[in-house]
N, C-alpha and C. Protein backbone atom coordinates (compact mmCIF):
# COMPACT_ATOMS: atom_id res chain seq x y z
N MET A 1 -44.09 -92.49 -40.56
CA MET A 1 -44.57 -93.84 -39.81
C MET A 1 -44.56 -95.06 -40.71
N ASP A 2 -44.57 -96.45 -39.91
CA ASP A 2 -44.46 -97.50 -40.77
C ASP A 2 -46.18 -97.84 -41.21
N ASN A 3 -46.21 -98.82 -42.10
CA ASN A 3 -47.27 -99.31 -42.66
C ASN A 3 -48.41 -99.63 -41.62
N GLN A 4 -47.71 -100.57 -40.84
CA GLN A 4 -48.26 -101.18 -40.23
C GLN A 4 -49.27 -100.45 -39.01
N LYS A 5 -48.30 -99.33 -38.40
CA LYS A 5 -49.08 -98.33 -37.57
C LYS A 5 -50.10 -97.52 -38.41
N VAL A 6 -50.04 -97.44 -39.57
CA VAL A 6 -50.74 -96.47 -40.01
C VAL A 6 -52.44 -97.40 -40.53
N ASP A 7 -51.79 -98.53 -40.96
CA ASP A 7 -52.95 -99.47 -41.26
C ASP A 7 -53.73 -99.83 -39.72
N LEU A 8 -53.36 -100.05 -39.02
CA LEU A 8 -53.80 -100.14 -37.55
C LEU A 8 -55.03 -99.05 -37.27
N PHE A 9 -54.16 -97.66 -37.40
CA PHE A 9 -55.02 -96.51 -37.44
C PHE A 9 -56.27 -96.22 -37.75
N LEU A 10 -56.01 -96.55 -39.44
CA LEU A 10 -57.27 -96.30 -40.19
C LEU A 10 -58.23 -97.44 -40.01
N MET A 11 -58.01 -98.54 -39.56
CA MET A 11 -58.75 -99.85 -39.29
C MET A 11 -59.75 -99.51 -37.91
N THR A 12 -59.06 -98.73 -37.12
CA THR A 12 -60.06 -98.29 -35.78
C THR A 12 -60.53 -97.27 -35.96
N ASN A 13 -60.07 -96.17 -36.75
CA ASN A 13 -60.56 -94.95 -36.71
C ASN A 13 -61.07 -94.49 -37.92
N GLY A 14 -61.24 -95.57 -39.01
CA GLY A 14 -61.78 -95.13 -40.48
C GLY A 14 -63.23 -94.69 -40.50
N LYS A 15 -64.17 -95.37 -39.61
CA LYS A 15 -65.25 -94.82 -39.71
C LYS A 15 -65.54 -93.42 -39.13
N TYR A 16 -64.76 -92.71 -38.61
CA TYR A 16 -64.60 -91.38 -38.28
C TYR A 16 -64.49 -90.46 -39.25
N PHE A 17 -64.14 -90.84 -40.46
CA PHE A 17 -63.97 -89.63 -41.83
C PHE A 17 -64.68 -90.24 -42.66
N GLU A 18 -64.73 -89.45 -43.73
CA GLU A 18 -65.15 -89.65 -44.91
C GLU A 18 -64.61 -90.43 -45.79
N SER A 19 -65.10 -91.59 -46.39
CA SER A 19 -64.52 -92.51 -46.93
C SER A 19 -63.24 -92.01 -48.19
N TYR A 20 -64.06 -90.49 -48.81
CA TYR A 20 -62.97 -90.28 -49.71
C TYR A 20 -61.65 -89.67 -49.41
N HIS A 21 -61.69 -89.29 -47.83
CA HIS A 21 -60.63 -88.76 -47.26
C HIS A 21 -59.62 -89.61 -46.92
N LEU A 22 -60.14 -91.19 -47.05
CA LEU A 22 -58.89 -91.98 -46.21
C LEU A 22 -57.44 -92.10 -47.03
N THR A 23 -57.55 -92.09 -48.30
CA THR A 23 -56.45 -92.20 -48.96
C THR A 23 -55.35 -91.01 -48.92
N ALA A 24 -56.02 -89.50 -48.50
CA ALA A 24 -54.88 -88.64 -48.30
C ALA A 24 -54.65 -89.12 -46.99
N ILE A 25 -55.69 -89.47 -45.90
CA ILE A 25 -55.11 -89.36 -44.44
C ILE A 25 -54.05 -90.55 -44.49
N ARG A 26 -54.21 -91.69 -44.99
CA ARG A 26 -53.13 -92.57 -45.18
C ARG A 26 -51.74 -92.05 -45.81
N ASP A 27 -51.83 -91.20 -46.76
CA ASP A 27 -50.72 -90.75 -47.36
C ASP A 27 -50.01 -89.72 -46.21
N ARG A 28 -50.73 -89.03 -45.62
CA ARG A 28 -49.92 -87.79 -44.75
C ARG A 28 -49.60 -88.61 -43.45
N LEU A 29 -50.25 -89.44 -43.13
CA LEU A 29 -49.85 -90.44 -41.89
C LEU A 29 -48.46 -90.95 -42.39
N LEU A 30 -48.30 -91.67 -43.33
CA LEU A 30 -46.88 -92.23 -43.84
C LEU A 30 -45.88 -91.39 -43.91
N GLN A 31 -45.99 -90.10 -44.18
CA GLN A 31 -45.19 -89.20 -44.38
C GLN A 31 -44.84 -88.53 -43.03
N ALA A 32 -45.82 -88.47 -41.99
CA ALA A 32 -45.68 -87.89 -40.56
C ALA A 32 -44.46 -88.88 -39.97
N ASP A 33 -43.86 -88.24 -38.96
CA ASP A 33 -42.61 -88.68 -38.10
C ASP A 33 -43.58 -89.61 -36.78
N ASP A 34 -42.59 -90.52 -36.28
CA ASP A 34 -42.61 -91.57 -35.21
C ASP A 34 -43.18 -90.47 -33.89
N SER A 35 -42.60 -89.24 -33.89
CA SER A 35 -42.90 -88.46 -32.55
C SER A 35 -44.60 -88.11 -32.52
N ARG A 36 -45.14 -88.25 -33.81
CA ARG A 36 -46.68 -88.15 -33.57
C ARG A 36 -47.52 -88.87 -33.43
N TRP A 37 -47.11 -90.12 -33.44
CA TRP A 37 -47.93 -91.35 -33.14
C TRP A 37 -48.62 -91.36 -31.77
N MET A 38 -47.87 -90.82 -30.48
CA MET A 38 -48.13 -91.00 -29.12
C MET A 38 -49.71 -89.74 -28.96
N ALA A 39 -49.42 -88.54 -29.87
CA ALA A 39 -50.38 -87.55 -30.01
C ALA A 39 -51.76 -88.06 -30.51
N LEU A 40 -51.35 -89.03 -31.97
CA LEU A 40 -52.60 -89.65 -32.44
C LEU A 40 -53.55 -90.57 -31.56
N GLN A 41 -52.61 -91.22 -30.85
CA GLN A 41 -53.07 -92.47 -29.80
C GLN A 41 -54.16 -91.82 -28.88
N THR A 42 -53.91 -90.37 -28.58
CA THR A 42 -54.54 -89.62 -27.14
C THR A 42 -56.01 -88.90 -28.14
N LEU A 43 -56.00 -89.22 -29.20
CA LEU A 43 -57.15 -87.99 -29.74
C LEU A 43 -58.33 -89.04 -30.07
N GLU A 44 -59.29 -88.33 -29.45
CA GLU A 44 -60.62 -89.08 -29.21
C GLU A 44 -61.64 -88.44 -30.29
N PHE A 45 -62.22 -89.15 -31.10
CA PHE A 45 -63.09 -88.85 -32.30
C PHE A 45 -64.71 -89.10 -31.89
N ASN A 46 -65.29 -88.12 -32.52
CA ASN A 46 -66.70 -88.41 -32.14
C ASN A 46 -67.56 -89.35 -33.07
N ASP A 47 -68.12 -90.28 -32.72
CA ASP A 47 -68.92 -91.08 -33.65
C ASP A 47 -69.85 -90.58 -34.32
N PRO A 48 -69.88 -90.53 -35.54
CA PRO A 48 -71.10 -89.96 -36.31
C PRO A 48 -72.40 -90.39 -36.17
N THR A 49 -72.32 -91.62 -35.86
CA THR A 49 -73.74 -92.63 -35.70
C THR A 49 -74.34 -92.13 -34.34
N THR A 50 -73.54 -91.86 -33.21
CA THR A 50 -73.83 -91.60 -31.83
C THR A 50 -74.32 -89.96 -31.95
N ILE A 51 -73.46 -89.38 -32.95
CA ILE A 51 -74.17 -87.74 -32.99
C ILE A 51 -75.35 -88.02 -33.63
N LEU A 52 -75.82 -88.51 -34.55
CA LEU A 52 -77.06 -88.45 -35.35
C LEU A 52 -78.16 -88.94 -34.40
N ILE A 53 -78.07 -90.11 -33.25
CA ILE A 53 -79.02 -90.49 -32.56
C ILE A 53 -79.29 -89.46 -31.48
N VAL A 54 -78.02 -88.56 -31.25
CA VAL A 54 -78.67 -87.38 -30.51
C VAL A 54 -79.15 -86.45 -30.94
N SER A 55 -78.81 -86.31 -32.18
CA SER A 55 -79.58 -85.07 -33.15
C SER A 55 -81.02 -85.73 -33.20
N LEU A 56 -81.32 -86.52 -33.62
CA LEU A 56 -82.92 -87.35 -33.67
C LEU A 56 -83.34 -86.94 -32.35
N LEU A 57 -82.84 -87.30 -31.18
CA LEU A 57 -83.58 -87.31 -29.99
C LEU A 57 -83.55 -85.72 -29.30
N ALA A 58 -82.56 -84.98 -29.37
CA ALA A 58 -82.32 -83.87 -28.89
C ALA A 58 -81.80 -82.73 -29.71
N GLY A 59 -81.83 -82.77 -31.17
CA GLY A 59 -81.16 -81.91 -32.05
C GLY A 59 -81.86 -80.59 -31.83
N SER A 60 -83.39 -80.56 -31.33
CA SER A 60 -83.83 -78.98 -31.14
C SER A 60 -83.20 -77.97 -30.26
N LEU A 61 -82.36 -78.85 -29.33
CA LEU A 61 -81.76 -77.83 -28.23
C LEU A 61 -80.78 -78.04 -28.78
N GLY A 62 -80.05 -78.22 -29.61
CA GLY A 62 -78.70 -78.11 -30.31
C GLY A 62 -77.56 -78.83 -29.60
N ILE A 63 -77.72 -79.75 -28.71
CA ILE A 63 -77.21 -80.97 -28.18
C ILE A 63 -75.80 -81.14 -29.09
N ASP A 64 -76.40 -81.72 -30.52
CA ASP A 64 -75.80 -82.13 -31.44
C ASP A 64 -74.35 -81.55 -31.82
N ARG A 65 -74.91 -80.16 -31.79
CA ARG A 65 -73.98 -79.37 -32.37
C ARG A 65 -72.76 -78.68 -31.43
N PHE A 66 -73.41 -78.85 -29.98
CA PHE A 66 -72.50 -78.58 -28.92
C PHE A 66 -71.41 -79.78 -29.01
N LEU A 67 -71.93 -81.09 -29.13
CA LEU A 67 -70.90 -82.41 -28.58
C LEU A 67 -69.83 -82.36 -30.02
N ILE A 68 -70.10 -81.80 -31.16
CA ILE A 68 -69.04 -81.66 -32.17
C ILE A 68 -68.36 -80.40 -31.87
N GLY A 69 -68.33 -79.48 -31.07
CA GLY A 69 -67.91 -78.18 -31.11
C GLY A 69 -68.32 -76.80 -31.62
N ASP A 70 -69.44 -76.92 -32.01
CA ASP A 70 -70.19 -76.27 -32.98
C ASP A 70 -70.65 -75.08 -32.11
N THR A 71 -70.19 -74.42 -31.18
CA THR A 71 -70.78 -74.01 -30.23
C THR A 71 -71.86 -72.74 -30.76
N GLY A 72 -71.27 -72.00 -31.49
CA GLY A 72 -72.30 -70.96 -32.13
C GLY A 72 -73.55 -71.53 -32.65
N MET A 73 -73.48 -72.50 -33.70
CA MET A 73 -74.56 -73.39 -34.05
C MET A 73 -75.50 -73.59 -32.95
N GLY A 74 -74.88 -74.53 -32.00
CA GLY A 74 -75.51 -75.12 -30.68
C GLY A 74 -76.45 -74.23 -30.17
N ILE A 75 -75.76 -72.67 -29.83
CA ILE A 75 -76.43 -71.85 -29.19
C ILE A 75 -77.78 -71.18 -29.71
N GLY A 76 -77.41 -71.22 -31.32
CA GLY A 76 -78.50 -70.93 -32.25
C GLY A 76 -79.83 -71.30 -32.58
N LYS A 77 -79.19 -72.92 -32.23
CA LYS A 77 -80.33 -73.85 -32.18
C LYS A 77 -81.02 -73.97 -31.00
N LEU A 78 -80.27 -74.03 -29.80
CA LEU A 78 -80.86 -73.71 -28.30
C LEU A 78 -81.86 -72.55 -28.55
N LEU A 79 -81.54 -71.58 -28.83
CA LEU A 79 -82.54 -70.39 -28.62
C LEU A 79 -83.69 -70.31 -29.68
N THR A 80 -83.59 -70.96 -30.71
CA THR A 80 -84.81 -70.84 -31.99
C THR A 80 -85.34 -72.15 -31.76
N CYS A 81 -85.13 -72.90 -30.54
CA CYS A 81 -85.79 -74.40 -30.81
C CYS A 81 -85.58 -75.10 -32.22
N GLY A 82 -84.51 -75.04 -32.49
CA GLY A 82 -83.97 -75.96 -33.81
C GLY A 82 -84.33 -75.24 -35.02
N GLY A 83 -84.55 -73.86 -34.78
CA GLY A 83 -85.14 -73.17 -36.20
C GLY A 83 -86.81 -73.27 -36.17
N MET A 84 -87.21 -73.74 -34.96
CA MET A 84 -88.41 -74.07 -34.89
C MET A 84 -88.98 -75.40 -35.47
N GLY A 85 -87.86 -76.51 -35.64
CA GLY A 85 -87.98 -77.69 -35.92
C GLY A 85 -87.26 -77.91 -37.56
N ILE A 86 -87.36 -76.74 -38.26
CA ILE A 86 -86.61 -76.86 -39.58
C ILE A 86 -85.35 -77.43 -39.65
N TRP A 87 -84.49 -76.70 -38.80
CA TRP A 87 -83.26 -76.77 -38.45
C TRP A 87 -82.53 -77.81 -37.94
N ALA A 88 -83.63 -78.41 -36.94
CA ALA A 88 -83.24 -79.81 -36.58
C ALA A 88 -83.42 -80.88 -37.48
N ILE A 89 -84.45 -80.80 -38.16
CA ILE A 89 -84.69 -81.94 -39.49
C ILE A 89 -83.45 -82.09 -40.12
N VAL A 90 -83.44 -80.60 -40.95
CA VAL A 90 -82.12 -80.43 -41.98
C VAL A 90 -80.72 -81.11 -41.36
N ASP A 91 -80.54 -80.59 -40.04
CA ASP A 91 -79.59 -81.42 -39.25
C ASP A 91 -79.47 -82.92 -39.13
N TRP A 92 -80.42 -83.71 -39.44
CA TRP A 92 -80.70 -85.12 -39.24
C TRP A 92 -79.75 -85.44 -40.45
N PHE A 93 -79.67 -84.84 -41.58
CA PHE A 93 -79.35 -85.13 -42.99
C PHE A 93 -77.50 -84.81 -43.20
N LEU A 94 -77.43 -83.53 -42.16
CA LEU A 94 -76.10 -83.00 -42.62
C LEU A 94 -75.04 -83.33 -41.17
N ILE A 95 -75.60 -83.80 -40.02
CA ILE A 95 -74.80 -83.80 -38.86
C ILE A 95 -73.90 -85.00 -38.79
N MET A 96 -73.78 -86.37 -39.60
CA MET A 96 -72.85 -87.10 -39.54
C MET A 96 -71.82 -86.79 -40.54
N GLY A 97 -71.90 -85.64 -41.76
CA GLY A 97 -70.98 -85.04 -42.40
C GLY A 97 -70.05 -84.17 -41.60
N ALA A 98 -70.89 -83.65 -40.86
CA ALA A 98 -70.15 -82.20 -40.31
C ALA A 98 -69.36 -82.71 -39.32
N THR A 99 -69.71 -83.93 -38.38
CA THR A 99 -69.24 -84.65 -37.43
C THR A 99 -67.53 -85.30 -37.93
N ARG A 100 -67.85 -85.87 -39.02
CA ARG A 100 -66.80 -86.38 -39.98
C ARG A 100 -65.49 -85.41 -40.19
N GLU A 101 -66.11 -83.90 -40.58
CA GLU A 101 -65.34 -82.88 -40.88
C GLU A 101 -64.31 -82.25 -39.73
N LYS A 102 -65.39 -82.32 -38.36
CA LYS A 102 -64.81 -81.64 -37.34
C LYS A 102 -63.73 -83.05 -37.06
N ASN A 103 -63.79 -84.36 -36.77
CA ASN A 103 -62.81 -85.18 -36.77
C ASN A 103 -61.72 -85.02 -37.79
N LEU A 104 -61.84 -84.59 -39.01
CA LEU A 104 -60.76 -84.47 -39.80
C LEU A 104 -59.87 -83.41 -39.31
N ALA A 105 -60.34 -82.12 -39.17
CA ALA A 105 -59.98 -80.97 -38.45
C ALA A 105 -59.18 -81.41 -37.34
N LYS A 106 -59.51 -82.27 -36.13
CA LYS A 106 -58.80 -82.34 -35.14
C LYS A 106 -57.85 -83.51 -35.44
N LEU A 107 -57.73 -84.22 -36.49
CA LEU A 107 -56.49 -84.86 -37.10
C LEU A 107 -55.64 -84.26 -37.77
N GLN A 108 -55.84 -83.21 -38.52
CA GLN A 108 -54.89 -82.39 -39.23
C GLN A 108 -54.27 -81.44 -38.53
N GLN A 109 -54.74 -80.85 -36.83
CA GLN A 109 -54.15 -80.55 -35.92
C GLN A 109 -53.04 -81.13 -35.79
N VAL A 110 -53.33 -82.23 -35.33
CA VAL A 110 -52.05 -83.31 -34.86
C VAL A 110 -50.71 -83.26 -36.07
N LEU A 111 -51.32 -83.45 -37.22
CA LEU A 111 -50.32 -83.71 -38.29
C LEU A 111 -49.90 -82.63 -38.97
N TYR A 112 -50.17 -81.49 -38.65
CA TYR A 112 -49.53 -80.39 -39.46
C TYR A 112 -49.25 -79.24 -38.44
């Protein structure tokens, strides 16, 4: 892909990834062929801030984990009421990073 497409992608989607991954993502996008561009445009990433708000409001029900695709952890939080509140509180600090990692995994599925 050319630099303009890669820069456009990173400007619009950079907040969905960890900052230390952006250089590697940029390099991989530059190496990718143009046939992957349409697939990249259709990807929908979860906003880490939105998931944090959901976690604050309904984290004990596991909704935050269901939204990012961690079904097993979502069921675990649902059945234990967020680990009696402890797991829900811990997730307030971890959920944004987990969301960004899931977004990276989505991107890697398209690029590799």
